[in-house]
Amino acid sequence: MSQAELDKRAGLVAGYTSKVEAWHGSRGRALGLLTLPPLLEALGVAIAVVPVSSGREQ
């Protein structure tokens, strides 16, 4: 899927995905509470938080 198609499916401003992918640049953008959910939905994916074993008992 192209960046333009992803922007369209997620209802984001044209060019937003490109800016997220170039976050290190001066014009980069980050994902937040308003942009992450529609982007994930447009991609058909979810994020799961799982504990990482640190090797020590809690």
N, C-alpha and C. Protein backbone atom coordinates (compact mmCIF):
# COMPACT_ATOMS: atom_id res chain seq x y z
N MET A 1 0.85 -1.16 0.00
CA MET A 1 0.00 0.00 0.00
C MET A 1 0.90 1.24 0.00
N SER A 2 0.57 2.19 -0.81
CA SER A 2 1.36 3.41 -0.88
C SER A 2 1.07 4.30 0.33
N GLN A 3 1.96 5.24 0.57
CA GLN A 3 1.76 6.19 1.66
C GLN A 3 0.49 7.00 1.43
N ALA A 4 0.26 7.40 0.20
CA ALA A 4 -0.92 8.19 -0.13
C ALA A 4 -2.20 7.40 0.13
N GLU A 5 -2.20 6.12 -0.22
CA GLU A 5 -3.38 5.28 0.01
C GLU A 5 -3.61 5.08 1.50
N LEU A 6 -2.54 4.90 2.26
CA LEU A 6 -2.66 4.75 3.71
C LEU A 6 -3.22 6.01 4.34
N ASP A 7 -2.71 7.17 3.92
CA ASP A 7 -3.25 8.44 4.41
C ASP A 7 -4.75 8.53 4.16
N LYS A 8 -5.15 8.15 2.95
CA LYS A 8 -6.56 8.23 2.56
C LYS A 8 -7.41 7.27 3.39
N ARG A 9 -6.98 6.01 3.51
CA ARG A 9 -7.74 5.01 4.27
C ARG A 9 -7.85 5.37 5.75
N ALA A 10 -6.81 5.98 6.29
CA ALA A 10 -6.80 6.33 7.71
C ALA A 10 -7.45 7.69 7.98
N GLY A 11 -7.76 8.42 6.94
CA GLY A 11 -8.36 9.74 7.11
C GLY A 11 -7.35 10.77 7.59
N LEU A 12 -6.09 10.54 7.27
CA LEU A 12 -5.03 11.47 7.67
C LEU A 12 -4.78 12.49 6.57
N VAL A 13 -4.17 13.58 6.92
CA VAL A 13 -3.80 14.61 5.96
C VAL A 13 -2.82 14.01 4.96
N ALA A 14 -2.98 14.37 3.69
CA ALA A 14 -2.08 13.87 2.65
C ALA A 14 -0.63 14.17 3.02
N GLY A 15 0.22 13.16 2.96
CA GLY A 15 1.64 13.32 3.27
C GLY A 15 2.01 13.00 4.71
N TYR A 16 1.00 12.70 5.56
CA TYR A 16 1.29 12.46 6.97
C TYR A 16 2.14 11.21 7.17
N THR A 17 1.80 10.12 6.49
CA THR A 17 2.57 8.88 6.64
C THR A 17 4.02 9.10 6.26
N SER A 18 4.25 9.87 5.22
CA SER A 18 5.63 10.18 4.80
C SER A 18 6.38 10.90 5.91
N LYS A 19 5.72 11.82 6.57
CA LYS A 19 6.36 12.57 7.66
C LYS A 19 6.63 11.68 8.87
N VAL A 20 5.73 10.73 9.13
CA VAL A 20 5.94 9.80 10.24
C VAL A 20 7.15 8.91 9.95
N GLU A 21 7.26 8.45 8.70
CA GLU A 21 8.38 7.59 8.33
C GLU A 21 9.71 8.34 8.33
N ALA A 22 9.66 9.65 8.25
CA ALA A 22 10.88 10.47 8.26
C ALA A 22 10.92 11.30 9.54
N TRP A 23 10.56 10.68 10.66
CA TRP A 23 10.42 11.39 11.94
C TRP A 23 11.69 12.09 12.39
N HIS A 24 12.84 11.61 11.96
CA HIS A 24 14.10 12.20 12.40
C HIS A 24 14.40 13.52 11.71
N GLY A 25 13.69 13.83 10.67
CA GLY A 25 13.93 15.07 9.94
C GLY A 25 13.28 16.26 10.62
N SER A 26 13.60 17.44 10.16
CA SER A 26 13.06 18.65 10.77
C SER A 26 11.55 18.78 10.57
N ARG A 27 11.00 18.11 9.56
CA ARG A 27 9.56 18.17 9.30
C ARG A 27 8.85 16.88 9.67
N GLY A 28 9.53 16.02 10.39
CA GLY A 28 8.95 14.74 10.77
C GLY A 28 7.81 14.90 11.75
N ARG A 29 7.00 13.88 11.84
CA ARG A 29 5.86 13.86 12.76
C ARG A 29 5.91 12.57 13.56
N ALA A 30 5.21 12.56 14.66
CA ALA A 30 5.12 11.37 15.50
C ALA A 30 3.67 10.89 15.53
N LEU A 31 3.47 9.66 15.93
CA LEU A 31 2.13 9.12 16.10
C LEU A 31 1.66 9.42 17.51
N GLY A 32 0.40 9.75 17.63
CA GLY A 32 -0.15 10.06 18.94
C GLY A 32 -1.55 9.48 19.09
N LEU A 33 -2.25 9.93 20.09
CA LEU A 33 -3.58 9.41 20.40
C LEU A 33 -4.59 9.62 19.27
N LEU A 34 -4.42 10.67 18.50
CA LEU A 34 -5.37 10.95 17.42
C LEU A 34 -5.00 10.28 16.10
N THR A 35 -3.74 9.96 15.91
CA THR A 35 -3.30 9.42 14.63
C THR A 35 -3.00 7.92 14.65
N LEU A 36 -2.56 7.38 15.77
CA LEU A 36 -2.21 5.96 15.82
C LEU A 36 -3.41 5.05 15.59
N PRO A 37 -4.55 5.23 16.29
CA PRO A 37 -5.68 4.31 16.08
C PRO A 37 -6.18 4.22 14.63
N PRO A 38 -6.40 5.34 13.94
CA PRO A 38 -6.87 5.19 12.56
C PRO A 38 -5.81 4.59 11.63
N LEU A 39 -4.55 4.84 11.93
CA LEU A 39 -3.49 4.26 11.12
C LEU A 39 -3.45 2.75 11.30
N LEU A 40 -3.54 2.28 12.53
CA LEU A 40 -3.56 0.84 12.80
C LEU A 40 -4.78 0.19 12.15
N GLU A 41 -5.93 0.83 12.25
CA GLU A 41 -7.14 0.29 11.64
C GLU A 41 -7.00 0.20 10.12
N ALA A 42 -6.45 1.22 9.51
CA ALA A 42 -6.26 1.21 8.06
C ALA A 42 -5.30 0.10 7.62
N LEU A 43 -4.34 -0.22 8.48
CA LEU A 43 -3.40 -1.29 8.18
C LEU A 43 -3.96 -2.67 8.53
N GLY A 44 -5.04 -2.69 9.31
CA GLY A 44 -5.62 -3.96 9.72
C GLY A 44 -4.79 -4.69 10.76
N VAL A 45 -4.14 -3.93 11.63
CA VAL A 45 -3.28 -4.51 12.67
C VAL A 45 -3.63 -3.92 14.03
N ALA A 46 -3.07 -4.55 15.07
CA ALA A 46 -3.23 -4.07 16.44
C ALA A 46 -1.88 -4.15 17.13
N ILE A 47 -1.76 -3.46 18.23
CA ILE A 47 -0.54 -3.51 19.03
C ILE A 47 -0.87 -4.23 20.33
N ALA A 48 -0.04 -5.19 20.68
CA ALA A 48 -0.21 -5.91 21.94
C ALA A 48 0.98 -5.60 22.84
N VAL A 49 0.70 -5.33 24.10
CA VAL A 49 1.75 -5.09 25.08
C VAL A 49 1.96 -6.40 25.84
N VAL A 50 3.17 -6.90 25.79
CA VAL A 50 3.50 -8.16 26.48
C VAL A 50 4.69 -7.93 27.38
N PRO A 51 4.70 -8.58 28.53
CA PRO A 51 5.83 -8.42 29.44
C PRO A 51 7.11 -9.03 28.85
N VAL A 52 8.20 -8.39 29.11
CA VAL A 52 9.50 -8.88 28.68
C VAL A 52 10.20 -9.41 29.92
N SER A 53 10.69 -10.62 29.84
CA SER A 53 11.37 -11.22 30.97
C SER A 53 12.71 -10.53 31.18
N SER A 54 12.93 -10.06 32.39
CA SER A 54 14.19 -9.39 32.69
C SER A 54 15.19 -10.36 33.31
N GLY A 55 14.73 -11.58 33.56
CA GLY A 55 15.62 -12.57 34.14
C GLY A 55 15.68 -12.52 35.66
N ARG A 56 14.86 -11.71 36.27
CA ARG A 56 14.84 -11.63 37.73
C ARG A 56 13.39 -11.74 38.22
N GLU A 57 13.24 -12.30 39.38
CA GLU A 57 11.91 -12.48 39.97
C GLU A 57 11.37 -11.15 40.47
N GLN A 58 10.10 -11.01 40.43
CA GLN A 58 9.46 -9.80 40.93
C GLN A 58 8.77 -10.08 42.22
